[in-house]
Amino acid sequence: MVKLRQVAKKKWVVEEEFNYYSFTIPVGFTTDLKSGPGGNYPKYNDAWVLHDWLYASQQTTRLKADCLLCLSLGELGMDNFMIKVIYKAVRRWGWWAWICDRFRQAKNPEWFILKE
């Protein structure tokens, strides 16, 4: 399970290196966890962090990032209806975050690492 520390109202930082599927999320990676409406449930943090990491690092395609989000939410116990709702939401509105992260990544490959 990912270890996080809240650093602002909607901003957390990864405290220990976290491996999920074949990806390694480094110490210092910043995340907003779940974006959009609805509550934030800590039991799904691994999935939210993975998805944010994949968007920020651009290590895979957007489609694969969104599919891995849904797969991990299912493994963490989310019901299929909510997974479908979230999948439709990230496919419909996630393009803007993906493009913004691509430009940030091109400008500064470590833009998502908190420097304290």
N, C-alpha and C. Protein backbone atom coordinates (compact mmCIF):
# COMPACT_ATOMS: atom_id res chain seq x y z
N MET A 1 0.84 -1.18 0.00
CA MET A 1 0.00 0.00 0.00
C MET A 1 0.89 1.25 0.00
N VAL A 2 0.51 2.21 -0.81
CA VAL A 2 1.30 3.43 -0.94
C VAL A 2 1.24 4.25 0.36
N LYS A 3 2.39 4.79 0.73
CA LYS A 3 2.47 5.62 1.93
C LYS A 3 2.52 7.09 1.48
N LEU A 4 1.51 7.87 1.92
CA LEU A 4 1.37 9.26 1.50
C LEU A 4 1.39 10.21 2.68
N ARG A 5 1.79 11.46 2.39
CA ARG A 5 1.73 12.54 3.38
C ARG A 5 1.05 13.72 2.70
N GLN A 6 0.03 14.27 3.36
CA GLN A 6 -0.67 15.42 2.80
C GLN A 6 0.18 16.67 3.00
N VAL A 7 0.38 17.44 1.92
CA VAL A 7 1.20 18.65 1.98
C VAL A 7 0.40 19.92 1.69
N ALA A 8 -0.82 19.76 1.20
CA ALA A 8 -1.72 20.88 0.95
C ALA A 8 -3.14 20.31 0.91
N LYS A 9 -4.13 21.20 0.73
CA LYS A 9 -5.52 20.76 0.79
C LYS A 9 -5.80 19.59 -0.15
N LYS A 10 -5.36 19.68 -1.38
CA LYS A 10 -5.61 18.61 -2.36
C LYS A 10 -4.30 18.12 -2.96
N LYS A 11 -3.29 17.93 -2.12
CA LYS A 11 -1.98 17.52 -2.62
C LYS A 11 -1.31 16.60 -1.61
N TRP A 12 -0.90 15.43 -2.10
CA TRP A 12 -0.20 14.46 -1.28
C TRP A 12 1.13 14.14 -1.94
N VAL A 13 2.06 13.64 -1.15
CA VAL A 13 3.37 13.26 -1.68
C VAL A 13 3.66 11.82 -1.25
N VAL A 14 4.27 11.05 -2.16
CA VAL A 14 4.64 9.67 -1.88
C VAL A 14 5.84 9.68 -0.94
N GLU A 15 5.73 8.98 0.19
CA GLU A 15 6.77 8.96 1.23
C GLU A 15 7.80 7.86 1.03
N GLU A 16 7.40 6.74 0.44
CA GLU A 16 8.30 5.62 0.20
C GLU A 16 8.09 5.13 -1.23
N GLU A 17 9.18 4.71 -1.88
CA GLU A 17 9.06 4.18 -3.23
C GLU A 17 7.97 3.12 -3.26
N PHE A 18 7.15 3.16 -4.30
CA PHE A 18 5.97 2.31 -4.39
C PHE A 18 5.96 1.60 -5.73
N ASN A 19 5.88 0.28 -5.70
CA ASN A 19 5.83 -0.52 -6.92
C ASN A 19 4.43 -1.07 -7.10
N TYR A 20 3.88 -0.83 -8.28
CA TYR A 20 2.52 -1.30 -8.57
C TYR A 20 2.49 -1.72 -10.02
N TYR A 21 2.04 -2.94 -10.25
CA TYR A 21 2.18 -3.58 -11.55
C TYR A 21 3.66 -3.51 -11.89
N SER A 22 4.04 -3.08 -13.04
CA SER A 22 5.46 -3.04 -13.38
C SER A 22 6.02 -1.62 -13.31
N PHE A 23 5.36 -0.75 -12.58
CA PHE A 23 5.77 0.65 -12.49
C PHE A 23 6.28 0.97 -11.09
N THR A 24 7.30 1.83 -11.02
CA THR A 24 7.84 2.28 -9.74
C THR A 24 7.56 3.77 -9.60
N ILE A 25 6.82 4.11 -8.55
CA ILE A 25 6.49 5.50 -8.28
C ILE A 25 7.50 5.98 -7.23
N PRO A 26 8.27 7.03 -7.56
CA PRO A 26 9.36 7.44 -6.67
C PRO A 26 8.91 8.26 -5.47
N VAL A 27 9.76 8.29 -4.47
CA VAL A 27 9.57 9.18 -3.32
C VAL A 27 9.52 10.61 -3.85
N GLY A 28 8.59 11.39 -3.32
CA GLY A 28 8.47 12.78 -3.72
C GLY A 28 7.44 13.03 -4.81
N PHE A 29 6.91 11.95 -5.44
CA PHE A 29 5.89 12.15 -6.46
C PHE A 29 4.67 12.79 -5.81
N THR A 30 4.15 13.85 -6.44
CA THR A 30 2.97 14.54 -5.90
C THR A 30 1.73 14.12 -6.68
N THR A 31 0.63 14.02 -5.96
CA THR A 31 -0.63 13.56 -6.52
C THR A 31 -1.79 14.31 -5.88
N ASP A 32 -2.89 14.43 -6.63
CA ASP A 32 -4.12 14.96 -6.05
C ASP A 32 -5.09 13.82 -5.72
N LEU A 33 -4.59 12.59 -5.88
CA LEU A 33 -5.40 11.39 -5.71
C LEU A 33 -6.56 11.45 -6.70
N LYS A 34 -7.77 11.30 -6.26
CA LYS A 34 -8.91 11.28 -7.17
C LYS A 34 -9.34 12.70 -7.50
N SER A 35 -9.33 13.03 -8.77
CA SER A 35 -9.85 14.31 -9.23
C SER A 35 -11.34 14.15 -9.53
N GLY A 36 -12.04 15.25 -9.52
CA GLY A 36 -13.45 15.20 -9.89
C GLY A 36 -14.36 15.04 -8.70
N PRO A 37 -15.66 14.93 -8.97
CA PRO A 37 -16.65 14.88 -7.89
C PRO A 37 -16.61 13.57 -7.12
N GLY A 38 -17.18 13.58 -5.95
CA GLY A 38 -17.27 12.38 -5.12
C GLY A 38 -16.21 12.36 -4.05
N GLY A 39 -16.37 11.44 -3.13
CA GLY A 39 -15.43 11.34 -2.02
C GLY A 39 -14.13 10.67 -2.41
N ASN A 40 -13.18 10.83 -1.54
CA ASN A 40 -11.88 10.18 -1.73
C ASN A 40 -11.76 9.09 -0.68
N TYR A 41 -11.62 7.85 -1.10
CA TYR A 41 -11.58 6.73 -0.19
C TYR A 41 -10.17 6.16 -0.17
N PRO A 42 -9.50 6.21 0.99
CA PRO A 42 -8.09 5.77 1.08
C PRO A 42 -7.83 4.35 0.58
N LYS A 43 -8.83 3.48 0.63
CA LYS A 43 -8.58 2.10 0.18
C LYS A 43 -8.24 2.04 -1.31
N TYR A 44 -8.56 3.09 -2.06
CA TYR A 44 -8.26 3.13 -3.50
C TYR A 44 -7.04 3.98 -3.84
N ASN A 45 -6.31 4.45 -2.83
CA ASN A 45 -5.17 5.34 -3.08
C ASN A 45 -4.13 4.74 -4.03
N ASP A 46 -3.89 3.44 -3.93
CA ASP A 46 -2.91 2.81 -4.82
C ASP A 46 -3.29 3.05 -6.29
N ALA A 47 -4.57 2.89 -6.60
CA ALA A 47 -5.05 3.07 -7.97
C ALA A 47 -4.95 4.52 -8.41
N TRP A 48 -5.35 5.45 -7.53
CA TRP A 48 -5.29 6.88 -7.89
C TRP A 48 -3.84 7.31 -8.13
N VAL A 49 -2.94 6.86 -7.25
CA VAL A 49 -1.53 7.25 -7.39
C VAL A 49 -0.94 6.67 -8.67
N LEU A 50 -1.23 5.41 -8.95
CA LEU A 50 -0.73 4.80 -10.19
C LEU A 50 -1.21 5.59 -11.40
N HIS A 51 -2.49 5.91 -11.44
CA HIS A 51 -3.05 6.63 -12.58
C HIS A 51 -2.40 8.01 -12.73
N ASP A 52 -2.27 8.74 -11.62
CA ASP A 52 -1.60 10.05 -11.68
C ASP A 52 -0.16 9.91 -12.15
N TRP A 53 0.54 8.87 -11.67
CA TRP A 53 1.93 8.65 -12.08
C TRP A 53 2.03 8.38 -13.58
N LEU A 54 1.13 7.54 -14.08
CA LEU A 54 1.18 7.20 -15.50
C LEU A 54 0.89 8.42 -16.38
N TYR A 55 -0.01 9.27 -15.95
CA TYR A 55 -0.27 10.51 -16.69
C TYR A 55 0.94 11.43 -16.60
N ALA A 56 1.47 11.61 -15.40
CA ALA A 56 2.58 12.55 -15.20
C ALA A 56 3.85 12.11 -15.90
N SER A 57 4.18 10.84 -15.79
CA SER A 57 5.44 10.34 -16.34
C SER A 57 5.35 10.01 -17.83
N GLN A 58 4.13 9.82 -18.32
CA GLN A 58 3.91 9.48 -19.73
C GLN A 58 4.66 8.19 -20.12
N GLN A 59 4.73 7.23 -19.19
CA GLN A 59 5.44 5.98 -19.44
C GLN A 59 4.64 4.96 -20.24
N THR A 60 3.41 5.28 -20.53
CA THR A 60 2.56 4.38 -21.29
C THR A 60 1.55 5.22 -22.07
N THR A 61 0.65 4.57 -22.75
CA THR A 61 -0.39 5.32 -23.45
C THR A 61 -1.49 5.74 -22.47
N ARG A 62 -2.26 6.72 -22.86
CA ARG A 62 -3.37 7.16 -22.02
C ARG A 62 -4.39 6.03 -21.86
N LEU A 63 -4.66 5.31 -22.94
CA LEU A 63 -5.61 4.20 -22.87
C LEU A 63 -5.16 3.16 -21.85
N LYS A 64 -3.89 2.79 -21.90
CA LYS A 64 -3.38 1.79 -20.95
C LYS A 64 -3.44 2.33 -19.52
N ALA A 65 -3.13 3.61 -19.33
CA ALA A 65 -3.20 4.21 -17.99
C ALA A 65 -4.62 4.13 -17.45
N ASP A 66 -5.60 4.46 -18.30
CA ASP A 66 -7.00 4.43 -17.86
C ASP A 66 -7.48 3.00 -17.60
N CYS A 67 -7.04 2.05 -18.42
CA CYS A 67 -7.41 0.65 -18.20
C CYS A 67 -6.78 0.10 -16.92
N LEU A 68 -5.52 0.47 -16.66
CA LEU A 68 -4.87 0.02 -15.42
C LEU A 68 -5.55 0.63 -14.19
N LEU A 69 -6.04 1.86 -14.32
CA LEU A 69 -6.81 2.44 -13.21
C LEU A 69 -8.01 1.56 -12.90
N CYS A 70 -8.76 1.20 -13.92
CA CYS A 70 -9.96 0.39 -13.71
C CYS A 70 -9.63 -1.00 -13.17
N LEU A 71 -8.61 -1.61 -13.72
CA LEU A 71 -8.18 -2.93 -13.25
C LEU A 71 -7.80 -2.88 -11.77
N SER A 72 -7.02 -1.87 -11.40
CA SER A 72 -6.59 -1.77 -10.00
C SER A 72 -7.75 -1.42 -9.08
N LEU A 73 -8.69 -0.59 -9.52
CA LEU A 73 -9.86 -0.30 -8.69
C LEU A 73 -10.67 -1.56 -8.43
N GLY A 74 -10.79 -2.41 -9.44
CA GLY A 74 -11.49 -3.68 -9.27
C GLY A 74 -10.78 -4.60 -8.30
N GLU A 75 -9.46 -4.67 -8.41
CA GLU A 75 -8.69 -5.51 -7.49
C GLU A 75 -8.78 -4.99 -6.06
N LEU A 76 -8.99 -3.68 -5.90
CA LEU A 76 -9.09 -3.10 -4.56
C LEU A 76 -10.51 -3.14 -4.02
N GLY A 77 -11.45 -3.70 -4.79
CA GLY A 77 -12.78 -3.95 -4.28
C GLY A 77 -13.88 -3.01 -4.73
N MET A 78 -13.62 -2.12 -5.66
CA MET A 78 -14.67 -1.22 -6.13
C MET A 78 -15.65 -2.01 -7.00
N ASP A 79 -16.93 -1.66 -6.90
CA ASP A 79 -17.93 -2.39 -7.68
C ASP A 79 -17.86 -1.98 -9.16
N ASN A 80 -18.30 -2.90 -10.01
CA ASN A 80 -18.18 -2.72 -11.46
C ASN A 80 -18.90 -1.50 -11.99
N PHE A 81 -20.04 -1.16 -11.41
CA PHE A 81 -20.78 0.01 -11.89
C PHE A 81 -19.93 1.27 -11.73
N MET A 82 -19.35 1.46 -10.55
CA MET A 82 -18.53 2.66 -10.31
C MET A 82 -17.28 2.65 -11.18
N ILE A 83 -16.71 1.49 -11.41
CA ILE A 83 -15.53 1.40 -12.29
C ILE A 83 -15.90 1.88 -13.69
N LYS A 84 -17.06 1.48 -14.19
CA LYS A 84 -17.50 1.92 -15.52
C LYS A 84 -17.71 3.43 -15.55
N VAL A 85 -18.30 3.98 -14.50
CA VAL A 85 -18.52 5.43 -14.43
C VAL A 85 -17.18 6.16 -14.46
N ILE A 86 -16.23 5.69 -13.67
CA ILE A 86 -14.90 6.33 -13.62
C ILE A 86 -14.19 6.18 -14.95
N TYR A 87 -14.28 5.01 -15.57
CA TYR A 87 -13.63 4.81 -16.87
C TYR A 87 -14.19 5.78 -17.91
N LYS A 88 -15.50 5.90 -17.96
CA LYS A 88 -16.11 6.83 -18.92
C LYS A 88 -15.66 8.27 -18.64
N ALA A 89 -15.55 8.62 -17.37
CA ALA A 89 -15.13 9.98 -17.01
C ALA A 89 -13.68 10.25 -17.42
N VAL A 90 -12.77 9.33 -17.13
CA VAL A 90 -11.36 9.58 -17.50
C VAL A 90 -11.16 9.55 -19.01
N ARG A 91 -11.93 8.74 -19.70
CA ARG A 91 -11.82 8.72 -21.16
C ARG A 91 -12.39 10.00 -21.77
N ARG A 92 -13.46 10.52 -21.19
CA ARG A 92 -14.10 11.72 -21.74
C ARG A 92 -13.33 12.99 -21.40
N TRP A 93 -12.86 13.12 -20.14
CA TRP A 93 -12.27 14.38 -19.69
C TRP A 93 -10.78 14.32 -19.39
N GLY A 94 -10.20 13.14 -19.38
CA GLY A 94 -8.79 13.01 -19.02
C GLY A 94 -7.81 13.52 -20.06
N TRP A 95 -8.27 13.75 -21.27
CA TRP A 95 -7.38 14.18 -22.36
C TRP A 95 -6.67 15.48 -22.02
N TRP A 96 -7.36 16.39 -21.32
CA TRP A 96 -6.74 17.69 -21.00
C TRP A 96 -5.57 17.50 -20.05
N ALA A 97 -5.76 16.70 -19.01
CA ALA A 97 -4.66 16.43 -18.07
C ALA A 97 -3.51 15.73 -18.78
N TRP A 98 -3.84 14.80 -19.69
CA TRP A 98 -2.81 14.07 -20.42
C TRP A 98 -1.96 15.03 -21.26
N ILE A 99 -2.60 15.92 -21.97
CA ILE A 99 -1.88 16.88 -22.81
C ILE A 99 -1.05 17.84 -21.96
N CYS A 100 -1.64 18.36 -20.90
CA CYS A 100 -0.89 19.27 -20.01
C CYS A 100 0.33 18.57 -19.41
N ASP A 101 0.15 17.33 -18.97
CA ASP A 101 1.27 16.58 -18.40
C ASP A 101 2.34 16.30 -19.45
N ARG A 102 1.93 16.08 -20.68
CA ARG A 102 2.91 15.85 -21.75
C ARG A 102 3.79 17.09 -21.95
N PHE A 103 3.19 18.27 -21.94
CA PHE A 103 3.97 19.49 -22.09
C PHE A 103 4.87 19.74 -20.88
N ARG A 104 4.35 19.48 -19.68
CA ARG A 104 5.17 19.63 -18.47
C ARG A 104 6.36 18.67 -18.51
N GLN A 105 6.10 17.44 -18.94
CA GLN A 105 7.14 16.41 -19.01
C GLN A 105 8.23 16.81 -20.00
N ALA A 106 7.82 17.36 -21.13
CA ALA A 106 8.79 17.77 -22.15
C ALA A 106 9.66 18.92 -21.66
N LYS A 107 9.07 19.81 -20.88
CA LYS A 107 9.79 20.99 -20.39
C LYS A 107 10.72 20.64 -19.23
N ASN A 108 10.24 19.78 -18.32
CA ASN A 108 11.00 19.40 -17.13
C ASN A 108 10.63 17.97 -16.75
N PRO A 109 11.46 16.98 -17.07
CA PRO A 109 11.11 15.58 -16.84
C PRO A 109 10.80 15.22 -15.38
N GLU A 110 11.17 16.05 -14.44
CA GLU A 110 10.87 15.75 -13.03
C GLU A 110 9.93 16.78 -12.42
N TRP A 111 9.03 17.35 -13.22
CA TRP A 111 8.13 18.39 -12.74
C TRP A 111 7.23 17.90 -11.61
N PHE A 112 6.98 16.63 -11.51
CA PHE A 112 6.03 16.07 -10.55
C PHE A 112 6.67 15.63 -9.24
N ILE A 113 7.98 15.86 -9.09
CA ILE A 113 8.67 15.47 -7.86
C ILE A 113 8.77 16.70 -6.93
N LEU A 114 8.29 16.53 -5.71
CA LEU A 114 8.32 17.61 -4.73
C LEU A 114 9.77 17.83 -4.27
N LYS A 115 10.23 19.04 -4.37
CA LYS A 115 11.56 19.41 -3.90
C LYS A 115 11.39 20.17 -2.58
N GLU A 116 11.83 19.54 -1.50
CA GLU A 116 11.67 20.19 -0.19
C GLU A 116 12.98 20.78 0.28
